[in-house]
Amino acid sequence: MRFLAVTAPSAGGEYLSDKFDEFVKEAQVEVRLDKDSIRLTKKGLVAADLTISETGAAVKYNIYLREKEIELRFHSSNRNHAELAAFS
């Protein structure tokens, strides 16, 4: 769904049908950083809360900035939430 929405042709920045416009809107991914959550960990890493939303479902991650990498962590005992996070 996401691949089709990104690669579809448009005419002057608009898609050719209202149905396809709605499809593209639903396929969009939104990434939000909670600026109030930026903090230093006990290990001296910079951490923050990041929410990724797609097709109406939002998954919250902890993000850690390391010297040469960015690590996303997700913790949940809910299987459905974990599966959604794995495929986001």
PDB file of N, CA and C in Angstrom:
ATOM      1  N   MET A   1       0.837  -1.185   0.000  1.00  0.00           N
ATOM      2  CA  MET A   1       0.000   0.000   0.000  1.00  0.00           C
ATOM      3  C   MET A   1       0.887   1.255   0.000  1.00  0.00           C
ATOM      4  N   ARG A   2       1.894   1.255   0.879  1.00  0.00           N
ATOM      5  CA  ARG A   2       2.786   2.412   0.962  1.00  0.00           C
ATOM      6  C   ARG A   2       3.567   2.585  -0.332  1.00  0.00           C
ATOM      7  N   PHE A   3       4.067   1.483  -0.918  1.00  0.00           N
ATOM      8  CA  PHE A   3       4.845   1.551  -2.155  1.00  0.00           C
ATOM      9  C   PHE A   3       4.015   2.134  -3.290  1.00  0.00           C
ATOM     10  N   LEU A   4       2.785   1.687  -3.420  1.00  0.00           N
ATOM     11  CA  LEU A   4       1.911   2.195  -4.477  1.00  0.00           C
ATOM     12  C   LEU A   4       1.651   3.684  -4.296  1.00  0.00           C
ATOM     13  N   ALA A   5       1.408   4.106  -3.075  1.00  0.00           N
ATOM     14  CA  ALA A   5       1.111   5.519  -2.821  1.00  0.00           C
ATOM     15  C   ALA A   5       2.309   6.410  -3.141  1.00  0.00           C
ATOM     16  N   VAL A   6       3.512   5.926  -2.868  1.00  0.00           N
ATOM     17  CA  VAL A   6       4.715   6.723  -3.102  1.00  0.00           C
ATOM     18  C   VAL A   6       5.077   6.784  -4.578  1.00  0.00           C
ATOM     19  N   THR A   7       4.831   5.715  -5.308  1.00  0.00           N
ATOM     20  CA  THR A   7       5.276   5.651  -6.699  1.00  0.00           C
ATOM     21  C   THR A   7       4.211   6.024  -7.722  1.00  0.00           C
ATOM     22  N   ALA A   8       2.991   6.280  -7.283  1.00  0.00           N
ATOM     23  CA  ALA A   8       1.905   6.581  -8.221  1.00  0.00           C
ATOM     24  C   ALA A   8       2.138   7.910  -8.934  1.00  0.00           C
ATOM     25  N   PRO A   9       1.803   7.963 -10.230  1.00  0.00           N
ATOM     26  CA  PRO A   9       1.947   9.229 -10.960  1.00  0.00           C
ATOM     27  C   PRO A   9       0.886  10.240 -10.537  1.00  0.00           C
ATOM     28  N   SER A  10       1.242  11.495 -10.638  1.00  0.00           N
ATOM     29  CA  SER A  10       0.273  12.548 -10.333  1.00  0.00           C
ATOM     30  C   SER A  10       0.289  13.574 -11.456  1.00  0.00           C
ATOM     31  N   ALA A  11      -0.760  14.387 -11.518  1.00  0.00           N
ATOM     32  CA  ALA A  11      -0.870  15.430 -12.537  1.00  0.00           C
ATOM     33  C   ALA A  11      -0.821  16.782 -11.840  1.00  0.00           C
ATOM     34  N   GLY A  12       0.275  17.486 -11.983  1.00  0.00           N
ATOM     35  CA  GLY A  12       0.394  18.803 -11.357  1.00  0.00           C
ATOM     36  C   GLY A  12       0.323  18.754  -9.838  1.00  0.00           C
ATOM     37  N   GLY A  13       0.831  17.668  -9.234  1.00  0.00           N
ATOM     38  CA  GLY A  13       0.824  17.548  -7.782  1.00  0.00           C
ATOM     39  C   GLY A  13      -0.461  16.972  -7.222  1.00  0.00           C
ATOM     40  N   GLU A  14      -1.453  16.755  -8.058  1.00  0.00           N
ATOM     41  CA  GLU A  14      -2.727  16.163  -7.622  1.00  0.00           C
ATOM     42  C   GLU A  14      -2.885  14.807  -8.290  1.00  0.00           C
ATOM     43  N   TYR A  15      -3.500  13.872  -7.590  1.00  0.00           N
ATOM     44  CA  TYR A  15      -3.759  12.563  -8.185  1.00  0.00           C
ATOM     45  C   TYR A  15      -4.993  12.650  -9.068  1.00  0.00           C
ATOM     46  N   LEU A  16      -5.181  11.647  -9.879  1.00  0.00           N
ATOM     47  CA  LEU A  16      -6.199  11.699 -10.918  1.00  0.00           C
ATOM     48  C   LEU A  16      -7.607  11.380 -10.439  1.00  0.00           C
ATOM     49  N   SER A  17      -7.762  10.895  -9.208  1.00  0.00           N
ATOM     50  CA  SER A  17      -9.106  10.609  -8.718  1.00  0.00           C
ATOM     51  C   SER A  17      -9.188  10.891  -7.217  1.00  0.00           C
ATOM     52  N   ASP A  18     -10.385  11.209  -6.759  1.00  0.00           N
ATOM     53  CA  ASP A  18     -10.593  11.458  -5.333  1.00  0.00           C
ATOM     54  C   ASP A  18     -10.377  10.186  -4.524  1.00  0.00           C
ATOM     55  N   LYS A  19     -10.740   9.039  -5.076  1.00  0.00           N
ATOM     56  CA  LYS A  19     -10.540   7.766  -4.369  1.00  0.00           C
ATOM     57  C   LYS A  19      -9.053   7.522  -4.135  1.00  0.00           C
ATOM     58  N   PHE A  20      -8.250   7.812  -5.154  1.00  0.00           N
ATOM     59  CA  PHE A  20      -6.816   7.583  -4.998  1.00  0.00           C
ATOM     60  C   PHE A  20      -6.218   8.595  -4.030  1.00  0.00           C
ATOM     61  N   ASP A  21      -6.713   9.830  -4.040  1.00  0.00           N
ATOM     62  CA  ASP A  21      -6.271  10.823  -3.047  1.00  0.00           C
ATOM     63  C   ASP A  21      -6.492  10.298  -1.635  1.00  0.00           C
ATOM     64  N   GLU A  22      -7.644   9.696  -1.381  1.00  0.00           N
ATOM     65  CA  GLU A  22      -7.959   9.140  -0.064  1.00  0.00           C
ATOM     66  C   GLU A  22      -7.036   7.967   0.264  1.00  0.00           C
ATOM     67  N   PHE A  23      -6.768   7.122  -0.731  1.00  0.00           N
ATOM     68  CA  PHE A  23      -5.861   5.994  -0.559  1.00  0.00           C
ATOM     69  C   PHE A  23      -4.474   6.478  -0.143  1.00  0.00           C
ATOM     70  N   VAL A  24      -3.960   7.494  -0.820  1.00  0.00           N
ATOM     71  CA  VAL A  24      -2.641   8.031  -0.506  1.00  0.00           C
ATOM     72  C   VAL A  24      -2.631   8.620   0.900  1.00  0.00           C
ATOM     73  N   LYS A  25      -3.693   9.317   1.271  1.00  0.00           N
ATOM     74  CA  LYS A  25      -3.781   9.904   2.607  1.00  0.00           C
ATOM     75  C   LYS A  25      -3.719   8.817   3.685  1.00  0.00           C
ATOM     76  N   GLU A  26      -4.411   7.703   3.466  1.00  0.00           N
ATOM     77  CA  GLU A  26      -4.415   6.597   4.431  1.00  0.00           C
ATOM     78  C   GLU A  26      -3.061   5.907   4.512  1.00  0.00           C
ATOM     79  N   ALA A  27      -2.297   5.917   3.421  1.00  0.00           N
ATOM     80  CA  ALA A  27      -1.018   5.220   3.381  1.00  0.00           C
ATOM     81  C   ALA A  27       0.131   6.047   3.959  1.00  0.00           C
ATOM     82  N   GLN A  28      -0.112   7.296   4.283  1.00  0.00           N
ATOM     83  CA  GLN A  28       0.950   8.155   4.791  1.00  0.00           C
ATOM     84  C   GLN A  28       1.413   7.702   6.173  1.00  0.00           C
ATOM     85  N   VAL A  29       2.685   7.879   6.399  1.00  0.00           N
ATOM     86  CA  VAL A  29       3.285   7.562   7.691  1.00  0.00           C
ATOM     87  C   VAL A  29       3.625   8.874   8.376  1.00  0.00           C
ATOM     88  N   GLU A  30       3.274   8.973   9.642  1.00  0.00           N
ATOM     89  CA  GLU A  30       3.564  10.179  10.414  1.00  0.00           C
ATOM     90  C   GLU A  30       4.522   9.807  11.544  1.00  0.00           C
ATOM     91  N   VAL A  31       5.566  10.606  11.700  1.00  0.00           N
ATOM     92  CA  VAL A  31       6.543  10.396  12.764  1.00  0.00           C
ATOM     93  C   VAL A  31       6.517  11.621  13.667  1.00  0.00           C
ATOM     94  N   ARG A  32       6.284  11.385  14.965  1.00  0.00           N
ATOM     95  CA  ARG A  32       6.236  12.490  15.933  1.00  0.00           C
ATOM     96  C   ARG A  32       7.265  12.267  17.034  1.00  0.00           C
ATOM     97  N   LEU A  33       8.016  13.295  17.336  1.00  0.00           N
ATOM     98  CA  LEU A  33       8.975  13.273  18.431  1.00  0.00           C
ATOM     99  C   LEU A  33       8.400  14.090  19.573  1.00  0.00           C
ATOM    100  N   ASP A  34       8.308  13.495  20.748  1.00  0.00           N
ATOM    101  CA  ASP A  34       7.849  14.213  21.942  1.00  0.00           C
ATOM    102  C   ASP A  34       9.038  15.001  22.479  1.00  0.00           C
ATOM    103  N   LYS A  35       9.089  16.290  22.175  1.00  0.00           N
ATOM    104  CA  LYS A  35      10.230  17.128  22.564  1.00  0.00           C
ATOM    105  C   LYS A  35      10.428  17.180  24.078  1.00  0.00           C
ATOM    106  N   ASP A  36       9.346  17.021  24.833  1.00  0.00           N
ATOM    107  CA  ASP A  36       9.455  17.041  26.289  1.00  0.00           C
ATOM    108  C   ASP A  36      10.071  15.761  26.847  1.00  0.00           C
ATOM    109  N   SER A  37      10.208  14.737  26.015  1.00  0.00           N
ATOM    110  CA  SER A  37      10.743  13.463  26.488  1.00  0.00           C
ATOM    111  C   SER A  37      12.251  13.331  26.279  1.00  0.00           C
ATOM    112  N   ILE A  38      12.900  14.299  25.653  1.00  0.00           N
ATOM    113  CA  ILE A  38      14.335  14.222  25.400  1.00  0.00           C
ATOM    114  C   ILE A  38      15.066  14.256  26.741  1.00  0.00           C
ATOM    115  N   ARG A  39      15.956  13.268  26.933  1.00  0.00           N
ATOM    116  CA  ARG A  39      16.626  13.129  28.226  1.00  0.00           C
ATOM    117  C   ARG A  39      17.973  12.431  28.058  1.00  0.00           C
ATOM    118  N   LEU A  40      18.792  12.498  29.105  1.00  0.00           N
ATOM    119  CA  LEU A  40      20.029  11.734  29.175  1.00  0.00           C
ATOM    120  C   LEU A  40      19.785  10.499  30.030  1.00  0.00           C
ATOM    121  N   THR A  41      20.279   9.357  29.579  1.00  0.00           N
ATOM    122  CA  THR A  41      20.140   8.124  30.350  1.00  0.00           C
ATOM    123  C   THR A  41      21.284   8.014  31.346  1.00  0.00           C
ATOM    124  N   LYS A  42      21.208   7.015  32.213  1.00  0.00           N
ATOM    125  CA  LYS A  42      22.279   6.782  33.188  1.00  0.00           C
ATOM    126  C   LYS A  42      23.601   6.455  32.513  1.00  0.00           C
ATOM    127  N   LYS A  43      23.528   5.902  31.312  1.00  0.00           N
ATOM    128  CA  LYS A  43      24.731   5.557  30.546  1.00  0.00           C
ATOM    129  C   LYS A  43      25.236   6.725  29.707  1.00  0.00           C
ATOM    130  N   GLY A  44      24.584   7.885  29.819  1.00  0.00           N
ATOM    131  CA  GLY A  44      25.012   9.068  29.089  1.00  0.00           C
ATOM    132  C   GLY A  44      24.506   9.151  27.660  1.00  0.00           C
ATOM    133  N   LEU A  45      23.537   8.309  27.306  1.00  0.00           N
ATOM    134  CA  LEU A  45      22.957   8.364  25.965  1.00  0.00           C
ATOM    135  C   LEU A  45      21.827   9.384  25.922  1.00  0.00           C
ATOM    136  N   VAL A  46      21.593   9.943  24.753  1.00  0.00           N
ATOM    137  CA  VAL A  46      20.435  10.807  24.555  1.00  0.00           C
ATOM    138  C   VAL A  46      19.274   9.903  24.162  1.00  0.00           C
ATOM    139  N   ALA A  47      18.144  10.074  24.845  1.00  0.00           N
ATOM    140  CA  ALA A  47      16.968   9.250  24.583  1.00  0.00           C
ATOM    141  C   ALA A  47      15.749  10.147  24.423  1.00  0.00           C
ATOM    142  N   ALA A  48      14.738   9.626  23.733  1.00  0.00           N
ATOM    143  CA  ALA A  48      13.483  10.367  23.542  1.00  0.00           C
ATOM    144  C   ALA A  48      12.391   9.383  23.177  1.00  0.00           C
ATOM    145  N   ASP A  49      11.142   9.855  23.202  1.00  0.00           N
ATOM    146  CA  ASP A  49       9.992   9.057  22.794  1.00  0.00           C
ATOM    147  C   ASP A  49       9.603   9.447  21.375  1.00  0.00           C
ATOM    148  N   LEU A  50       9.399   8.447  20.533  1.00  0.00           N
ATOM    149  CA  LEU A  50       9.067   8.649  19.130  1.00  0.00           C
ATOM    150  C   LEU A  50       7.821   7.839  18.826  1.00  0.00           C
ATOM    151  N   THR A  51       6.836   8.445  18.157  1.00  0.00           N
ATOM    152  CA  THR A  51       5.614   7.748  17.785  1.00  0.00           C
ATOM    153  C   THR A  51       5.523   7.698  16.261  1.00  0.00           C
ATOM    154  N   ILE A  52       5.320   6.495  15.736  1.00  0.00           N
ATOM    155  CA  ILE A  52       5.154   6.309  14.296  1.00  0.00           C
ATOM    156  C   ILE A  52       3.718   5.856  14.064  1.00  0.00           C
ATOM    157  N   SER A  53       2.977   6.609  13.236  1.00  0.00           N
ATOM    158  CA  SER A  53       1.574   6.308  12.948  1.00  0.00           C
ATOM    159  C   SER A  53       1.417   5.963  11.479  1.00  0.00           C
ATOM    160  N   GLU A  54       0.622   4.922  11.239  1.00  0.00           N
ATOM    161  CA  GLU A  54       0.325   4.517   9.860  1.00  0.00           C
ATOM    162  C   GLU A  54      -1.058   3.894   9.845  1.00  0.00           C
ATOM    163  N   THR A  55      -1.863   4.277   8.907  1.00  0.00           N
ATOM    164  CA  THR A  55      -3.229   3.769   8.726  1.00  0.00           C
ATOM    165  C   THR A  55      -4.020   3.767  10.032  1.00  0.00           C
ATOM    166  N   GLY A  56      -3.882   4.834  10.792  1.00  0.00           N
ATOM    167  CA  GLY A  56      -4.666   4.999  12.003  1.00  0.00           C
ATOM    168  C   GLY A  56      -4.119   4.307  13.235  1.00  0.00           C
ATOM    169  N   ALA A  57      -3.034   3.552  13.106  1.00  0.00           N
ATOM    170  CA  ALA A  57      -2.435   2.872  14.255  1.00  0.00           C
ATOM    171  C   ALA A  57      -1.141   3.571  14.630  1.00  0.00           C
ATOM    172  N   ALA A  58      -0.969   3.841  15.916  1.00  0.00           N
ATOM    173  CA  ALA A  58       0.229   4.524  16.395  1.00  0.00           C
ATOM    174  C   ALA A  58       1.029   3.586  17.289  1.00  0.00           C
ATOM    175  N   VAL A  59       2.350   3.574  17.088  1.00  0.00           N
ATOM    176  CA  VAL A  59       3.246   2.758  17.896  1.00  0.00           C
ATOM    177  C   VAL A  59       4.285   3.686  18.509  1.00  0.00           C
ATOM    178  N   LYS A  60       4.452   3.583  19.833  1.00  0.00           N
ATOM    179  CA  LYS A  60       5.404   4.432  20.545  1.00  0.00           C
ATOM    180  C   LYS A  60       6.694   3.647  20.779  1.00  0.00           C
ATOM    181  N   TYR A  61       7.818   4.265  20.438  1.00  0.00           N
ATOM    182  CA  TYR A  61       9.141   3.671  20.605  1.00  0.00           C
ATOM    183  C   TYR A  61       9.977   4.567  21.521  1.00  0.00           C
ATOM    184  N   ASN A  62      10.986   3.965  22.135  1.00  0.00           N
ATOM    185  CA  ASN A  62      12.040   4.733  22.783  1.00  0.00           C
ATOM    186  C   ASN A  62      13.175   4.769  21.774  1.00  0.00           C
ATOM    187  N   ILE A  63      13.740   5.940  21.561  1.00  0.00           N
ATOM    188  CA  ILE A  63      14.831   6.093  20.611  1.00  0.00           C
ATOM    189  C   ILE A  63      16.075   6.507  21.388  1.00  0.00           C
ATOM    190  N   TYR A  64      17.205   5.872  21.057  1.00  0.00           N
ATOM    191  CA  TYR A  64      18.478   6.155  21.719  1.00  0.00           C
ATOM    192  C   TYR A  64      19.491   6.550  20.663  1.00  0.00           C
ATOM    193  N   LEU A  65      20.155   7.670  20.869  1.00  0.00           N
ATOM    194  CA  LEU A  65      21.176   8.139  19.937  1.00  0.00           C
ATOM    195  C   LEU A  65      22.534   7.703  20.464  1.00  0.00           C
ATOM    196  N   ARG A  66      23.202   6.880  19.695  1.00  0.00           N
ATOM    197  CA  ARG A  66      24.539   6.406  20.055  1.00  0.00           C
ATOM    198  C   ARG A  66      25.548   7.127  19.175  1.00  0.00           C
ATOM    199  N   GLU A  67      26.804   6.841  19.372  1.00  0.00           N
ATOM    200  CA  GLU A  67      27.845   7.526  18.612  1.00  0.00           C
ATOM    201  C   GLU A  67      27.701   7.326  17.103  1.00  0.00           C
ATOM    202  N   LYS A  68      27.411   6.080  16.688  1.00  0.00           N
ATOM    203  CA  LYS A  68      27.347   5.789  15.254  1.00  0.00           C
ATOM    204  C   LYS A  68      26.051   5.117  14.828  1.00  0.00           C
ATOM    205  N   GLU A  69      25.030   5.150  15.674  1.00  0.00           N
ATOM    206  CA  GLU A  69      23.779   4.490  15.322  1.00  0.00           C
ATOM    207  C   GLU A  69      22.608   5.082  16.099  1.00  0.00           C
ATOM    208  N   ILE A  70      21.434   4.781  15.604  1.00  0.00           N
ATOM    209  CA  ILE A  70      20.192   5.146  16.287  1.00  0.00           C
ATOM    210  C   ILE A  70      19.478   3.836  16.598  1.00  0.00           C
ATOM    211  N   GLU A  71      19.078   3.655  17.837  1.00  0.00           N
ATOM    212  CA  GLU A  71      18.415   2.424  18.255  1.00  0.00           C
ATOM    213  C   GLU A  71      16.973   2.721  18.634  1.00  0.00           C
ATOM    214  N   LEU A  72      16.042   1.955  18.061  1.00  0.00           N
ATOM    215  CA  LEU A  72      14.629   2.042  18.417  1.00  0.00           C
ATOM    216  C   LEU A  72      14.299   0.849  19.305  1.00  0.00           C
ATOM    217  N   ARG A  73      13.616   1.096  20.421  1.00  0.00           N
ATOM    218  CA  ARG A  73      13.183   0.011  21.304  1.00  0.00           C
ATOM    219  C   ARG A  73      11.682   0.103  21.510  1.00  0.00           C
ATOM    220  N   PHE A  74      11.077  -1.061  21.565  1.00  0.00           N
ATOM    221  CA  PHE A  74       9.646  -1.147  21.795  1.00  0.00           C
ATOM    222  C   PHE A  74       9.413  -2.192  22.871  1.00  0.00           C
ATOM    223  N   HIS A  75       8.616  -1.851  23.874  1.00  0.00           N
ATOM    224  CA  HIS A  75       8.312  -2.775  24.966  1.00  0.00           C
ATOM    225  C   HIS A  75       6.797  -2.863  25.127  1.00  0.00           C
ATOM    226  N   SER A  76       6.280  -4.089  25.076  1.00  0.00           N
ATOM    227  CA  SER A  76       4.859  -4.300  25.312  1.00  0.00           C
ATOM    228  C   SER A  76       4.612  -5.773  25.618  1.00  0.00           C
ATOM    229  N   SER A  77       3.669  -6.039  26.478  1.00  0.00           N
ATOM    230  CA  SER A  77       3.261  -7.416  26.734  1.00  0.00           C
ATOM    231  C   SER A  77       2.066  -7.792  25.857  1.00  0.00           C
ATOM    232  N   ASN A  78       1.575  -6.836  25.076  1.00  0.00           N
ATOM    233  CA  ASN A  78       0.435  -7.070  24.186  1.00  0.00           C
ATOM    234  C   ASN A  78       0.951  -7.576  22.838  1.00  0.00           C
ATOM    235  N   ARG A  79       0.598  -8.791  22.468  1.00  0.00           N
ATOM    236  CA  ARG A  79       1.096  -9.396  21.230  1.00  0.00           C
ATOM    237  C   ARG A  79       0.727  -8.575  19.994  1.00  0.00           C
ATOM    238  N   ASN A  80      -0.501  -8.072  19.921  1.00  0.00           N
ATOM    239  CA  ASN A  80      -0.919  -7.273  18.760  1.00  0.00           C
ATOM    240  C   ASN A  80      -0.079  -6.016  18.618  1.00  0.00           C
ATOM    241  N   HIS A  81       0.213  -5.353  19.729  1.00  0.00           N
ATOM    242  CA  HIS A  81       1.057  -4.152  19.668  1.00  0.00           C
ATOM    243  C   HIS A  81       2.470  -4.502  19.209  1.00  0.00           C
ATOM    244  N   ALA A  82       2.997  -5.628  19.696  1.00  0.00           N
ATOM    245  CA  ALA A  82       4.342  -6.039  19.310  1.00  0.00           C
ATOM    246  C   ALA A  82       4.423  -6.377  17.817  1.00  0.00           C
ATOM    247  N   GLU A  83       3.407  -7.059  17.299  1.00  0.00           N
ATOM    248  CA  GLU A  83       3.381  -7.376  15.874  1.00  0.00           C
ATOM    249  C   GLU A  83       3.270  -6.117  15.029  1.00  0.00           C
ATOM    250  N   LEU A  84       2.454  -5.180  15.459  1.00  0.00           N
ATOM    251  CA  LEU A  84       2.320  -3.914  14.741  1.00  0.00           C
ATOM    252  C   LEU A  84       3.650  -3.161  14.735  1.00  0.00           C
ATOM    253  N   ALA A  85       4.327  -3.142  15.870  1.00  0.00           N
ATOM    254  CA  ALA A  85       5.626  -2.455  15.961  1.00  0.00           C
ATOM    255  C   ALA A  85       6.663  -3.104  15.063  1.00  0.00           C
ATOM    256  N   ALA A  86       6.634  -4.417  14.949  1.00  0.00           N
ATOM    257  CA  ALA A  86       7.603  -5.135  14.130  1.00  0.00           C
ATOM    258  C   ALA A  86       7.441  -4.826  12.650  1.00  0.00           C
ATOM    259  N   PHE A  87       6.224  -4.526  12.214  1.00  0.00           N
ATOM    260  CA  PHE A  87       5.972  -4.272  10.795  1.00  0.00           C
ATOM    261  C   PHE A  87       5.862  -2.811  10.443  1.00  0.00           C
ATOM    262  N   SER A  88       6.048  -1.912  11.410  1.00  0.00           N
ATOM    263  CA  SER A  88       5.975  -0.465  11.131  1.00  0.00           C
ATOM    264  C   SER A  88       7.209   0.001  10.422  1.00  0.00           C
TER     265      SER A  88
END
